[in-house]
Amino acid sequence: MATQTIPAPRSKADDRRTMFKEAKRNAWAYVFISPFYLLYAVFGMFPLAYGIWLSFHKWDGISPMQWVGLANYTKLLLDDIWWYSIYNTVWLFFAATVPQIILALILAFIINSNYIKGKDLFRAAYFMPIVASSVAVSLLFVSLFGQRYGLLNYFTSMVGLPQIDWLGDRNWLKPSMAIVIVWQWTGYTMIIFLAGLQSINTELYEAARVDGAETRDVFWKITMPLMRPVILFQVVLAIIGAMQNFDIPVMLAGGTQSSSPGGTDRSGLVAMVNLYWTAFKYTEFGYAAAMGFLLFVLIITFSYTYNRWQGGNPTD
């Protein structure tokens, strides 16, 4: 029996009519979800597109824009201060975010064990610092790090150690920032890891114990492989967050009204603080926009590199 095929033009026309009918039938659904897309277009896509356009201009926020093409990006690639701020940002990532992830993973394992009582209390206590704003936390630690009347120097003087200028010494400013970041964000990361641990099927542990597996083997052969997607996901988020650090560094380095961006010798000048000062202190908005998009490229590069290095997708 011969088969009759529909000509291609007619098939495409039928597809268009079908799509039109489906869109017409779901018109009210599109109306109800349209507020999200309208708000995203106004407050998301438009600032993004405008920022790209702005990065190719020289603008002080008042005078007419001047088209400079790639001059802002060329200047940025040769800017020693910009690359020094990137160095400080990466330094903080390794000094604060990496220990935070390791400590959070250890705490998650401890709280998830069967030997700990009052787990809800520990979860709430460790998570509590993230509830406070970074500015409030920074102000608290500014008092603790005070050279003359700070609590930390009070304890060092009790044991006969010299007082430390935590926020005024270029060698101690970045470690002080790392301490605050670890204190505030470890509990949040711990909760993510704890959720991952609790999602592991306990039957796998029971089967391993029946087969005579030791605790060390269970940890490395079952727990860690199953936790790998959670750890990978959290590390990628940590990379993004570390590259966007602003509140804590700017507050510990003297605030937005400081006479020196980043504190003594710019030792606390991270990328976002540099961007803020360039835009709102030096009124170089085009140059600051170029900083923002180069920082975006660096975040994508670091996140993608780590993801490829681990050989997986954090969402798998």
C-alpha atoms as a PDB file:
ATOM      1  CA  MET A   1       0.000   0.000   0.000  1.00  0.00           C
ATOM      2  CA  ALA A   2       1.441   3.340  -1.060  1.00  0.00           C
ATOM      3  CA  THR A   3       1.964   5.990   1.603  1.00  0.00           C
ATOM      4  CA  GLN A   4       1.228   9.642   1.010  1.00  0.00           C
ATOM      5  CA  THR A   5       3.656  12.193   2.421  1.00  0.00           C
ATOM      6  CA  ILE A   6       2.684  15.721   3.352  1.00  0.00           C
ATOM      7  CA  PRO A   7       4.670  18.376   1.495  1.00  0.00           C
ATOM      8  CA  ALA A   8       7.191  20.234   3.659  1.00  0.00           C
ATOM      9  CA  PRO A   9       5.676  23.727   3.202  1.00  0.00           C
ATOM     10  CA  ARG A  10       2.269  22.461   4.255  1.00  0.00           C
ATOM     11  CA  SER A  11       3.778  20.716   7.297  1.00  0.00           C
ATOM     12  CA  LYS A  12       5.502  23.914   8.434  1.00  0.00           C
ATOM     13  CA  ALA A  13       2.283  25.850   8.002  1.00  0.00           C
ATOM     14  CA  ASP A  14       0.430  23.296  10.103  1.00  0.00           C
ATOM     15  CA  ASP A  15       3.105  23.590  12.796  1.00  0.00           C
ATOM     16  CA  ARG A  16       2.729  27.359  12.870  1.00  0.00           C
ATOM     17  CA  ARG A  17      -1.049  27.079  13.133  1.00  0.00           C
ATOM     18  CA  THR A  18      -0.714  24.546  15.941  1.00  0.00           C
ATOM     19  CA  MET A  19       1.707  26.790  17.844  1.00  0.00           C
ATOM     20  CA  PHE A  20      -0.631  29.756  17.385  1.00  0.00           C
ATOM     21  CA  LYS A  21      -3.570  27.748  18.690  1.00  0.00           C
ATOM     22  CA  GLU A  22      -1.572  26.581  21.704  1.00  0.00           C
ATOM     23  CA  ALA A  23      -0.454  30.149  22.461  1.00  0.00           C
ATOM     24  CA  LYS A  24      -4.023  31.402  22.128  1.00  0.00           C
ATOM     25  CA  ARG A  25      -5.329  28.628  24.375  1.00  0.00           C
ATOM     26  CA  ASN A  26      -2.702  29.424  27.026  1.00  0.00           C
ATOM     27  CA  ALA A  27      -3.005  33.196  26.709  1.00  0.00           C
ATOM     28  CA  TRP A  28      -4.135  33.693  30.290  1.00  0.00           C
ATOM     29  CA  ALA A  29      -1.255  31.568  31.569  1.00  0.00           C
ATOM     30  CA  TYR A  30       1.186  33.870  29.770  1.00  0.00           C
ATOM     31  CA  VAL A  31      -0.587  36.881  31.242  1.00  0.00           C
ATOM     32  CA  PHE A  32      -0.210  35.544  34.794  1.00  0.00           C
ATOM     33  CA  ILE A  33       3.517  34.785  34.433  1.00  0.00           C
ATOM     34  CA  SER A  34       4.273  37.990  32.517  1.00  0.00           C
ATOM     35  CA  PRO A  35       4.943  40.155  35.646  1.00  0.00           C
ATOM     36  CA  PHE A  36       8.055  38.129  36.427  1.00  0.00           C
ATOM     37  CA  TYR A  37       9.443  38.522  32.912  1.00  0.00           C
ATOM     38  CA  LEU A  38       8.581  42.217  32.803  1.00  0.00           C
ATOM     39  CA  LEU A  39      10.327  42.844  36.128  1.00  0.00           C
ATOM     40  CA  TYR A  40      13.291  40.737  35.038  1.00  0.00           C
ATOM     41  CA  ALA A  41      13.541  42.662  31.782  1.00  0.00           C
ATOM     42  CA  VAL A  42      13.418  46.026  33.575  1.00  0.00           C
ATOM     43  CA  PHE A  43      15.638  45.234  36.569  1.00  0.00           C
ATOM     44  CA  GLY A  44      17.757  42.425  35.102  1.00  0.00           C
ATOM     45  CA  MET A  45      18.258  42.494  31.359  1.00  0.00           C
ATOM     46  CA  PHE A  46      18.143  46.270  30.885  1.00  0.00           C
ATOM     47  CA  PRO A  47      20.846  47.033  33.510  1.00  0.00           C
ATOM     48  CA  LEU A  48      22.969  44.257  32.014  1.00  0.00           C
ATOM     49  CA  ALA A  49      22.654  45.584  28.471  1.00  0.00           C
ATOM     50  CA  TYR A  50      23.128  49.170  29.663  1.00  0.00           C
ATOM     51  CA  GLY A  51      26.229  48.150  31.619  1.00  0.00           C
ATOM     52  CA  ILE A  52      27.750  46.580  28.503  1.00  0.00           C
ATOM     53  CA  TRP A  53      26.994  49.747  26.541  1.00  0.00           C
ATOM     54  CA  LEU A  54      28.397  51.903  29.334  1.00  0.00           C
ATOM     55  CA  SER A  55      31.669  49.960  29.437  1.00  0.00           C
ATOM     56  CA  PHE A  56      32.494  51.287  25.970  1.00  0.00           C
ATOM     57  CA  HIS A  57      32.071  54.903  27.081  1.00  0.00           C
ATOM     58  CA  LYS A  58      33.731  57.432  29.313  1.00  0.00           C
ATOM     59  CA  TRP A  59      31.170  58.971  31.659  1.00  0.00           C
ATOM     60  CA  ASP A  60      31.277  60.811  34.960  1.00  0.00           C
ATOM     61  CA  GLY A  61      27.557  60.497  35.647  1.00  0.00           C
ATOM     62  CA  ILE A  62      26.764  64.092  34.658  1.00  0.00           C
ATOM     63  CA  SER A  63      28.434  65.037  31.397  1.00  0.00           C
ATOM     64  CA  PRO A  64      27.453  63.468  28.059  1.00  0.00           C
ATOM     65  CA  MET A  65      28.938  60.054  27.365  1.00  0.00           C
ATOM     66  CA  GLN A  66      32.020  59.791  25.185  1.00  0.00           C
ATOM     67  CA  TRP A  67      32.505  56.692  23.061  1.00  0.00           C
ATOM     68  CA  VAL A  68      35.951  55.192  23.728  1.00  0.00           C
ATOM     69  CA  GLY A  69      35.498  51.698  22.340  1.00  0.00           C
ATOM     70  CA  LEU A  70      37.797  49.142  23.982  1.00  0.00           C
ATOM     71  CA  ALA A  71      39.906  51.790  25.725  1.00  0.00           C
ATOM     72  CA  ASN A  72      38.436  50.965  29.150  1.00  0.00           C
ATOM     73  CA  TYR A  73      39.252  47.285  28.758  1.00  0.00           C
ATOM     74  CA  THR A  74      42.748  48.029  27.440  1.00  0.00           C
ATOM     75  CA  LYS A  75      43.395  50.317  30.391  1.00  0.00           C
ATOM     76  CA  LEU A  76      42.031  47.701  32.782  1.00  0.00           C
ATOM     77  CA  LEU A  77      44.340  44.960  31.528  1.00  0.00           C
ATOM     78  CA  LEU A  78      47.316  47.236  32.259  1.00  0.00           C
ATOM     79  CA  ASP A  79      46.010  48.517  35.610  1.00  0.00           C
ATOM     80  CA  ASP A  80      48.296  47.291  38.412  1.00  0.00           C
ATOM     81  CA  ILE A  81      45.808  48.313  41.109  1.00  0.00           C
ATOM     82  CA  TRP A  82      43.052  46.273  39.461  1.00  0.00           C
ATOM     83  CA  TRP A  83      45.199  43.139  39.310  1.00  0.00           C
ATOM     84  CA  TYR A  84      46.331  43.708  42.882  1.00  0.00           C
ATOM     85  CA  SER A  85      42.667  43.772  43.928  1.00  0.00           C
ATOM     86  CA  ILE A  86      42.164  40.492  42.044  1.00  0.00           C
ATOM     87  CA  TYR A  87      45.147  39.068  43.927  1.00  0.00           C
ATOM     88  CA  ASN A  88      43.575  40.126  47.248  1.00  0.00           C
ATOM     89  CA  THR A  89      40.275  38.582  46.179  1.00  0.00           C
ATOM     90  CA  VAL A  90      41.874  35.247  45.289  1.00  0.00           C
ATOM     91  CA  TRP A  91      43.938  35.370  48.497  1.00  0.00           C
ATOM     92  CA  LEU A  92      40.755  35.757  50.533  1.00  0.00           C
ATOM     93  CA  PHE A  93      39.193  32.839  48.695  1.00  0.00           C
ATOM     94  CA  PHE A  94      42.002  30.472  49.677  1.00  0.00           C
ATOM     95  CA  ALA A  95      42.426  31.935  53.178  1.00  0.00           C
ATOM     96  CA  ALA A  96      38.734  32.134  54.073  1.00  0.00           C
ATOM     97  CA  THR A  97      36.508  30.131  51.739  1.00  0.00           C
ATOM     98  CA  VAL A  98      38.622  26.969  51.560  1.00  0.00           C
ATOM     99  CA  PRO A  99      38.972  26.646  55.381  1.00  0.00           C
ATOM    100  CA  GLN A 100      35.287  27.490  55.706  1.00  0.00           C
ATOM    101  CA  ILE A 101      34.311  24.612  53.398  1.00  0.00           C
ATOM    102  CA  ILE A 102      36.620  22.154  55.171  1.00  0.00           C
ATOM    103  CA  LEU A 103      35.400  23.209  58.627  1.00  0.00           C
ATOM    104  CA  ALA A 104      31.754  23.088  57.507  1.00  0.00           C
ATOM    105  CA  LEU A 105      32.224  19.584  56.136  1.00  0.00           C
ATOM    106  CA  ILE A 106      33.781  18.387  59.406  1.00  0.00           C
ATOM    107  CA  LEU A 107      30.990  19.957  61.470  1.00  0.00           C
ATOM    108  CA  ALA A 108      28.351  18.420  59.200  1.00  0.00           C
ATOM    109  CA  PHE A 109      29.836  14.955  59.703  1.00  0.00           C
ATOM    110  CA  ILE A 110      29.981  15.450  63.466  1.00  0.00           C
ATOM    111  CA  ILE A 111      26.403  16.709  63.787  1.00  0.00           C
ATOM    112  CA  ASN A 112      25.132  13.984  61.466  1.00  0.00           C
ATOM    113  CA  SER A 113      26.682  11.253  63.601  1.00  0.00           C
ATOM    114  CA  ASN A 114      24.567   9.179  65.959  1.00  0.00           C
ATOM    115  CA  TYR A 115      26.623  10.214  68.988  1.00  0.00           C
ATOM    116  CA  ILE A 116      25.479  13.857  69.041  1.00  0.00           C
ATOM    117  CA  LYS A 117      22.417  14.862  71.034  1.00  0.00           C
ATOM    118  CA  GLY A 118      20.508  18.090  70.529  1.00  0.00           C
ATOM    119  CA  LYS A 119      21.270  18.344  66.813  1.00  0.00           C
ATOM    120  CA  ASP A 120      18.623  21.030  66.253  1.00  0.00           C
ATOM    121  CA  LEU A 121      20.337  23.261  68.806  1.00  0.00           C
ATOM    122  CA  PHE A 122      23.714  22.909  67.103  1.00  0.00           C
ATOM    123  CA  ARG A 123      22.218  23.521  63.660  1.00  0.00           C
ATOM    124  CA  ALA A 124      20.539  26.720  64.862  1.00  0.00           C
ATOM    125  CA  ALA A 125      23.647  27.913  66.710  1.00  0.00           C
ATOM    126  CA  TYR A 126      25.982  27.448  63.748  1.00  0.00           C
ATOM    127  CA  PHE A 127      23.482  28.908  61.278  1.00  0.00           C
ATOM    128  CA  MET A 128      22.730  31.982  63.407  1.00  0.00           C
ATOM    129  CA  PRO A 129      25.654  34.189  62.180  1.00  0.00           C
ATOM    130  CA  ILE A 130      24.331  34.196  58.617  1.00  0.00           C
ATOM    131  CA  VAL A 131      21.033  35.692  59.813  1.00  0.00           C
ATOM    132  CA  ALA A 132      22.771  38.948  60.780  1.00  0.00           C
ATOM    133  CA  SER A 133      23.750  41.357  58.029  1.00  0.00           C
ATOM    134  CA  SER A 134      27.396  41.500  56.984  1.00  0.00           C
ATOM    135  CA  VAL A 135      27.566  45.160  57.976  1.00  0.00           C
ATOM    136  CA  ALA A 136      26.407  44.413  61.527  1.00  0.00           C
ATOM    137  CA  VAL A 137      28.833  41.500  61.777  1.00  0.00           C
ATOM    138  CA  SER A 138      31.664  43.712  60.500  1.00  0.00           C
ATOM    139  CA  LEU A 139      30.904  46.418  63.054  1.00  0.00           C
ATOM    140  CA  LEU A 140      30.977  43.794  65.796  1.00  0.00           C
ATOM    141  CA  PHE A 141      34.384  42.543  64.699  1.00  0.00           C
ATOM    142  CA  VAL A 142      35.733  46.087  64.289  1.00  0.00           C
ATOM    143  CA  SER A 143      35.221  46.407  68.049  1.00  0.00           C
ATOM    144  CA  LEU A 144      36.786  43.015  68.732  1.00  0.00           C
ATOM    145  CA  PHE A 145      39.798  43.860  66.543  1.00  0.00           C
ATOM    146  CA  GLY A 146      40.378  47.260  68.167  1.00  0.00           C
ATOM    147  CA  GLN A 147      44.051  47.872  68.900  1.00  0.00           C
ATOM    148  CA  ARG A 148      43.649  49.561  72.292  1.00  0.00           C
ATOM    149  CA  TYR A 149      40.313  48.367  73.641  1.00  0.00           C
ATOM    150  CA  GLY A 150      39.589  45.337  71.487  1.00  0.00           C
ATOM    151  CA  LEU A 151      38.734  42.063  73.196  1.00  0.00           C
ATOM    152  CA  LEU A 152      41.275  40.074  71.185  1.00  0.00           C
ATOM    153  CA  ASN A 153      44.155  42.309  72.213  1.00  0.00           C
ATOM    154  CA  TYR A 154      42.934  42.130  75.797  1.00  0.00           C
ATOM    155  CA  PHE A 155      43.388  38.359  75.724  1.00  0.00           C
ATOM    156  CA  THR A 156      46.787  38.597  74.018  1.00  0.00           C
ATOM    157  CA  SER A 157      47.974  41.048  76.693  1.00  0.00           C
ATOM    158  CA  MET A 158      46.814  38.627  79.417  1.00  0.00           C
ATOM    159  CA  VAL A 159      49.191  35.959  78.116  1.00  0.00           C
ATOM    160  CA  GLY A 160      52.044  38.410  77.648  1.00  0.00           C
ATOM    161  CA  LEU A 161      51.842  38.787  73.870  1.00  0.00           C
ATOM    162  CA  PRO A 162      52.206  42.197  72.198  1.00  0.00           C
ATOM    163  CA  GLN A 163      49.110  43.978  70.948  1.00  0.00           C
ATOM    164  CA  ILE A 164      48.280  43.531  67.282  1.00  0.00           C
ATOM    165  CA  ASP A 165      46.966  46.256  65.019  1.00  0.00           C
ATOM    166  CA  TRP A 166      44.521  43.918  63.319  1.00  0.00           C
ATOM    167  CA  LEU A 167      42.941  46.466  60.984  1.00  0.00           C
ATOM    168  CA  GLY A 168      45.822  48.916  60.612  1.00  0.00           C
ATOM    169  CA  ASP A 169      48.685  46.557  59.820  1.00  0.00           C
ATOM    170  CA  ARG A 170      48.834  45.457  56.174  1.00  0.00           C
ATOM    171  CA  ASN A 171      49.971  41.991  57.277  1.00  0.00           C
ATOM    172  CA  TRP A 172      46.964  41.454  59.540  1.00  0.00           C
ATOM    173  CA  LEU A 173      44.109  43.121  57.648  1.00  0.00           C
ATOM    174  CA  LYS A 174      43.426  40.286  55.190  1.00  0.00           C
ATOM    175  CA  PRO A 175      43.660  37.570  57.893  1.00  0.00           C
ATOM    176  CA  SER A 176      41.149  39.597  59.924  1.00  0.00           C
ATOM    177  CA  MET A 177      38.775  39.619  56.952  1.00  0.00           C
ATOM    178  CA  ALA A 178      39.256  35.874  56.545  1.00  0.00           C
ATOM    179  CA  ILE A 179      38.349  35.289  60.208  1.00  0.00           C
ATOM    180  CA  VAL A 180      35.091  37.220  59.846  1.00  0.00           C
ATOM    181  CA  ILE A 181      34.129  35.438  56.609  1.00  0.00           C
ATOM    182  CA  VAL A 182      34.803  32.011  58.121  1.00  0.00           C
ATOM    183  CA  TRP A 183      32.811  32.896  61.256  1.00  0.00           C
ATOM    184  CA  GLN A 184      29.778  34.133  59.328  1.00  0.00           C
ATOM    185  CA  TRP A 185      29.527  31.630  56.478  1.00  0.00           C
ATOM    186  CA  THR A 186      30.644  28.307  57.974  1.00  0.00           C
ATOM    187  CA  GLY A 187      27.203  27.591  59.442  1.00  0.00           C
ATOM    188  CA  TYR A 188      25.436  28.189  56.127  1.00  0.00           C
ATOM    189  CA  THR A 189      27.806  25.851  54.275  1.00  0.00           C
ATOM    190  CA  MET A 190      27.463  23.279  57.051  1.00  0.00           C
ATOM    191  CA  ILE A 191      23.674  23.209  56.601  1.00  0.00           C
ATOM    192  CA  ILE A 192      24.094  22.499  52.870  1.00  0.00           C
ATOM    193  CA  PHE A 193      26.521  19.651  53.581  1.00  0.00           C
ATOM    194  CA  LEU A 194      24.300  18.318  56.360  1.00  0.00           C
ATOM    195  CA  ALA A 195      21.352  18.152  53.963  1.00  0.00           C
ATOM    196  CA  GLY A 196      23.526  16.229  51.524  1.00  0.00           C
ATOM    197  CA  LEU A 197      24.600  13.753  54.201  1.00  0.00           C
ATOM    198  CA  GLN A 198      21.038  13.181  55.355  1.00  0.00           C
ATOM    199  CA  SER A 199      19.931  12.461  51.779  1.00  0.00           C
ATOM    200  CA  ILE A 200      22.261   9.425  51.536  1.00  0.00           C
ATOM    201  CA  ASN A 201      20.371   6.157  51.794  1.00  0.00           C
ATOM    202  CA  THR A 202      21.306   4.520  55.103  1.00  0.00           C
ATOM    203  CA  GLU A 203      20.827   1.065  53.547  1.00  0.00           C
ATOM    204  CA  LEU A 204      24.129   1.584  51.732  1.00  0.00           C
ATOM    205  CA  TYR A 205      25.900   1.914  55.093  1.00  0.00           C
ATOM    206  CA  GLU A 206      24.142  -1.142  56.474  1.00  0.00           C
ATOM    207  CA  ALA A 207      25.085  -3.220  53.444  1.00  0.00           C
ATOM    208  CA  ALA A 208      28.711  -2.093  53.707  1.00  0.00           C
ATOM    209  CA  ARG A 209      28.879  -3.025  57.387  1.00  0.00           C
ATOM    210  CA  VAL A 210      27.374  -6.440  56.641  1.00  0.00           C
ATOM    211  CA  ASP A 211      30.156  -6.971  54.075  1.00  0.00           C
ATOM    212  CA  GLY A 212      32.697  -6.115  56.772  1.00  0.00           C
ATOM    213  CA  ALA A 213      33.704  -2.645  55.553  1.00  0.00           C
ATOM    214  CA  GLU A 214      35.574  -0.505  58.045  1.00  0.00           C
ATOM    215  CA  THR A 215      34.534   3.030  58.960  1.00  0.00           C
ATOM    216  CA  ARG A 216      37.356   4.487  56.893  1.00  0.00           C
ATOM    217  CA  ASP A 217      36.307   2.495  53.827  1.00  0.00           C
ATOM    218  CA  VAL A 218      32.659   3.521  54.270  1.00  0.00           C
ATOM    219  CA  PHE A 219      33.729   7.161  54.419  1.00  0.00           C
ATOM    220  CA  TRP A 220      35.939   7.131  51.307  1.00  0.00           C
ATOM    221  CA  LYS A 221      33.990   4.634  49.186  1.00  0.00           C
ATOM    222  CA  ILE A 222      30.390   5.625  49.971  1.00  0.00           C
ATOM    223  CA  THR A 223      30.046   8.965  51.752  1.00  0.00           C
ATOM    224  CA  MET A 224      32.533  11.076  49.811  1.00  0.00           C
ATOM    225  CA  PRO A 225      31.524   9.880  46.309  1.00  0.00           C
ATOM    226  CA  LEU A 226      27.865  10.536  47.084  1.00  0.00           C
ATOM    227  CA  MET A 227      28.709  13.926  48.609  1.00  0.00           C
ATOM    228  CA  ARG A 228      30.793  14.965  45.616  1.00  0.00           C
ATOM    229  CA  PRO A 229      27.947  16.747  43.712  1.00  0.00           C
ATOM    230  CA  VAL A 230      27.009  18.703  46.859  1.00  0.00           C
ATOM    231  CA  ILE A 231      30.628  19.697  47.522  1.00  0.00           C
ATOM    232  CA  LEU A 232      31.133  20.667  43.885  1.00  0.00           C
ATOM    233  CA  PHE A 233      27.982  22.770  43.886  1.00  0.00           C
ATOM    234  CA  GLN A 234      28.960  24.538  47.102  1.00  0.00           C
ATOM    235  CA  VAL A 235      32.516  25.232  45.920  1.00  0.00           C
ATOM    236  CA  VAL A 236      31.222  26.834  42.722  1.00  0.00           C
ATOM    237  CA  LEU A 237      28.897  29.017  44.792  1.00  0.00           C
ATOM    238  CA  ALA A 238      31.832  29.847  47.073  1.00  0.00           C
ATOM    239  CA  ILE A 239      33.936  30.944  44.095  1.00  0.00           C
ATOM    240  CA  ILE A 240      31.147  33.252  42.949  1.00  0.00           C
ATOM    241  CA  GLY A 241      30.647  34.628  46.456  1.00  0.00           C
ATOM    242  CA  ALA A 242      34.371  35.125  47.061  1.00  0.00           C
ATOM    243  CA  MET A 243      34.761  37.137  43.865  1.00  0.00           C
ATOM    244  CA  GLN A 244      31.852  39.344  44.958  1.00  0.00           C
ATOM    245  CA  ASN A 245      32.999  40.016  48.536  1.00  0.00           C
ATOM    246  CA  PHE A 246      32.220  43.621  49.418  1.00  0.00           C
ATOM    247  CA  ASP A 247      30.534  44.279  52.769  1.00  0.00           C
ATOM    248  CA  ILE A 248      33.088  42.747  55.105  1.00  0.00           C
ATOM    249  CA  PRO A 249      36.231  44.001  53.290  1.00  0.00           C
ATOM    250  CA  VAL A 250      34.940  47.551  52.915  1.00  0.00           C
ATOM    251  CA  MET A 251      33.810  47.800  56.546  1.00  0.00           C
ATOM    252  CA  LEU A 252      36.999  46.364  58.046  1.00  0.00           C
ATOM    253  CA  ALA A 253      39.123  48.586  55.794  1.00  0.00           C
ATOM    254  CA  GLY A 254      37.553  51.779  57.117  1.00  0.00           C
ATOM    255  CA  GLY A 255      34.160  51.976  55.423  1.00  0.00           C
ATOM    256  CA  THR A 256      33.107  53.861  52.332  1.00  0.00           C
ATOM    257  CA  GLN A 257      34.296  57.171  53.797  1.00  0.00           C
ATOM    258  CA  SER A 258      37.861  55.980  54.309  1.00  0.00           C
ATOM    259  CA  SER A 259      40.618  58.124  52.839  1.00  0.00           C
ATOM    260  CA  SER A 260      42.381  55.037  51.480  1.00  0.00           C
ATOM    261  CA  PRO A 261      40.512  52.315  49.557  1.00  0.00           C
ATOM    262  CA  GLY A 262      41.325  48.928  51.017  1.00  0.00           C
ATOM    263  CA  GLY A 263      43.052  50.190  54.148  1.00  0.00           C
ATOM    264  CA  THR A 264      46.802  50.372  54.718  1.00  0.00           C
ATOM    265  CA  ASP A 265      48.734  49.937  51.448  1.00  0.00           C
ATOM    266  CA  ARG A 266      45.479  48.763  49.836  1.00  0.00           C
ATOM    267  CA  SER A 267      46.024  45.397  51.538  1.00  0.00           C
ATOM    268  CA  GLY A 268      42.251  44.904  51.863  1.00  0.00           C
ATOM    269  CA  LEU A 269      41.327  46.203  48.416  1.00  0.00           C
ATOM    270  CA  VAL A 270      39.284  43.443  46.788  1.00  0.00           C
ATOM    271  CA  ALA A 271      37.740  43.600  43.316  1.00  0.00           C
ATOM    272  CA  MET A 272      34.273  44.798  44.343  1.00  0.00           C
ATOM    273  CA  VAL A 273      35.667  47.507  46.634  1.00  0.00           C
ATOM    274  CA  ASN A 274      37.890  48.693  43.789  1.00  0.00           C
ATOM    275  CA  LEU A 275      34.862  48.782  41.489  1.00  0.00           C
ATOM    276  CA  TYR A 276      32.833  50.755  44.041  1.00  0.00           C
ATOM    277  CA  TRP A 277      35.547  53.365  44.545  1.00  0.00           C
ATOM    278  CA  THR A 278      36.095  53.723  40.806  1.00  0.00           C
ATOM    279  CA  ALA A 279      32.407  54.341  40.146  1.00  0.00           C
ATOM    280  CA  PHE A 280      31.192  56.340  43.135  1.00  0.00           C
ATOM    281  CA  LYS A 281      34.369  58.001  44.411  1.00  0.00           C
ATOM    282  CA  TYR A 282      36.296  58.681  41.215  1.00  0.00           C
ATOM    283  CA  THR A 283      33.087  58.911  39.069  1.00  0.00           C
ATOM    284  CA  GLU A 284      34.551  56.777  36.297  1.00  0.00           C
ATOM    285  CA  PHE A 285      31.380  54.831  35.564  1.00  0.00           C
ATOM    286  CA  GLY A 286      32.456  53.484  32.184  1.00  0.00           C
ATOM    287  CA  TYR A 287      35.708  52.171  33.601  1.00  0.00           C
ATOM    288  CA  ALA A 288      33.840  50.629  36.553  1.00  0.00           C
ATOM    289  CA  ALA A 289      31.415  48.925  34.143  1.00  0.00           C
ATOM    290  CA  ALA A 290      34.394  47.394  32.344  1.00  0.00           C
ATOM    291  CA  MET A 291      35.655  46.154  35.715  1.00  0.00           C
ATOM    292  CA  GLY A 292      32.298  44.527  36.375  1.00  0.00           C
ATOM    293  CA  PHE A 293      32.256  42.627  33.097  1.00  0.00           C
ATOM    294  CA  LEU A 294      35.881  41.535  33.369  1.00  0.00           C
ATOM    295  CA  LEU A 295      35.083  40.286  36.874  1.00  0.00           C
ATOM    296  CA  PHE A 296      32.113  38.412  35.397  1.00  0.00           C
ATOM    297  CA  VAL A 297      34.426  36.756  32.883  1.00  0.00           C
ATOM    298  CA  LEU A 298      36.854  35.778  35.653  1.00  0.00           C
ATOM    299  CA  ILE A 299      34.048  34.265  37.746  1.00  0.00           C
ATOM    300  CA  ILE A 300      32.842  32.207  34.772  1.00  0.00           C
ATOM    301  CA  THR A 301      36.405  31.122  34.004  1.00  0.00           C
ATOM    302  CA  PHE A 302      37.236  30.050  37.564  1.00  0.00           C
ATOM    303  CA  SER A 303      33.905  28.258  38.042  1.00  0.00           C
ATOM    304  CA  TYR A 304      34.131  26.460  34.695  1.00  0.00           C
ATOM    305  CA  THR A 305      37.767  25.500  35.291  1.00  0.00           C
ATOM    306  CA  TYR A 306      37.004  23.999  38.689  1.00  0.00           C
ATOM    307  CA  ASN A 307      33.970  22.192  37.303  1.00  0.00           C
ATOM    308  CA  ARG A 308      36.000  20.695  34.444  1.00  0.00           C
ATOM    309  CA  TRP A 309      38.838  19.820  36.822  1.00  0.00           C
ATOM    310  CA  GLN A 310      36.394  17.838  38.954  1.00  0.00           C
ATOM    311  CA  GLY A 311      34.991  16.284  35.797  1.00  0.00           C
ATOM    312  CA  GLY A 312      31.344  16.885  36.512  1.00  0.00           C
ATOM    313  CA  ASN A 313      28.399  19.202  36.687  1.00  0.00           C
ATOM    314  CA  PRO A 314      27.411  20.637  40.092  1.00  0.00           C
ATOM    315  CA  THR A 315      23.774  20.145  39.218  1.00  0.00           C
ATOM    316  CA  ASP A 316      24.134  16.438  38.340  1.00  0.00           C
END
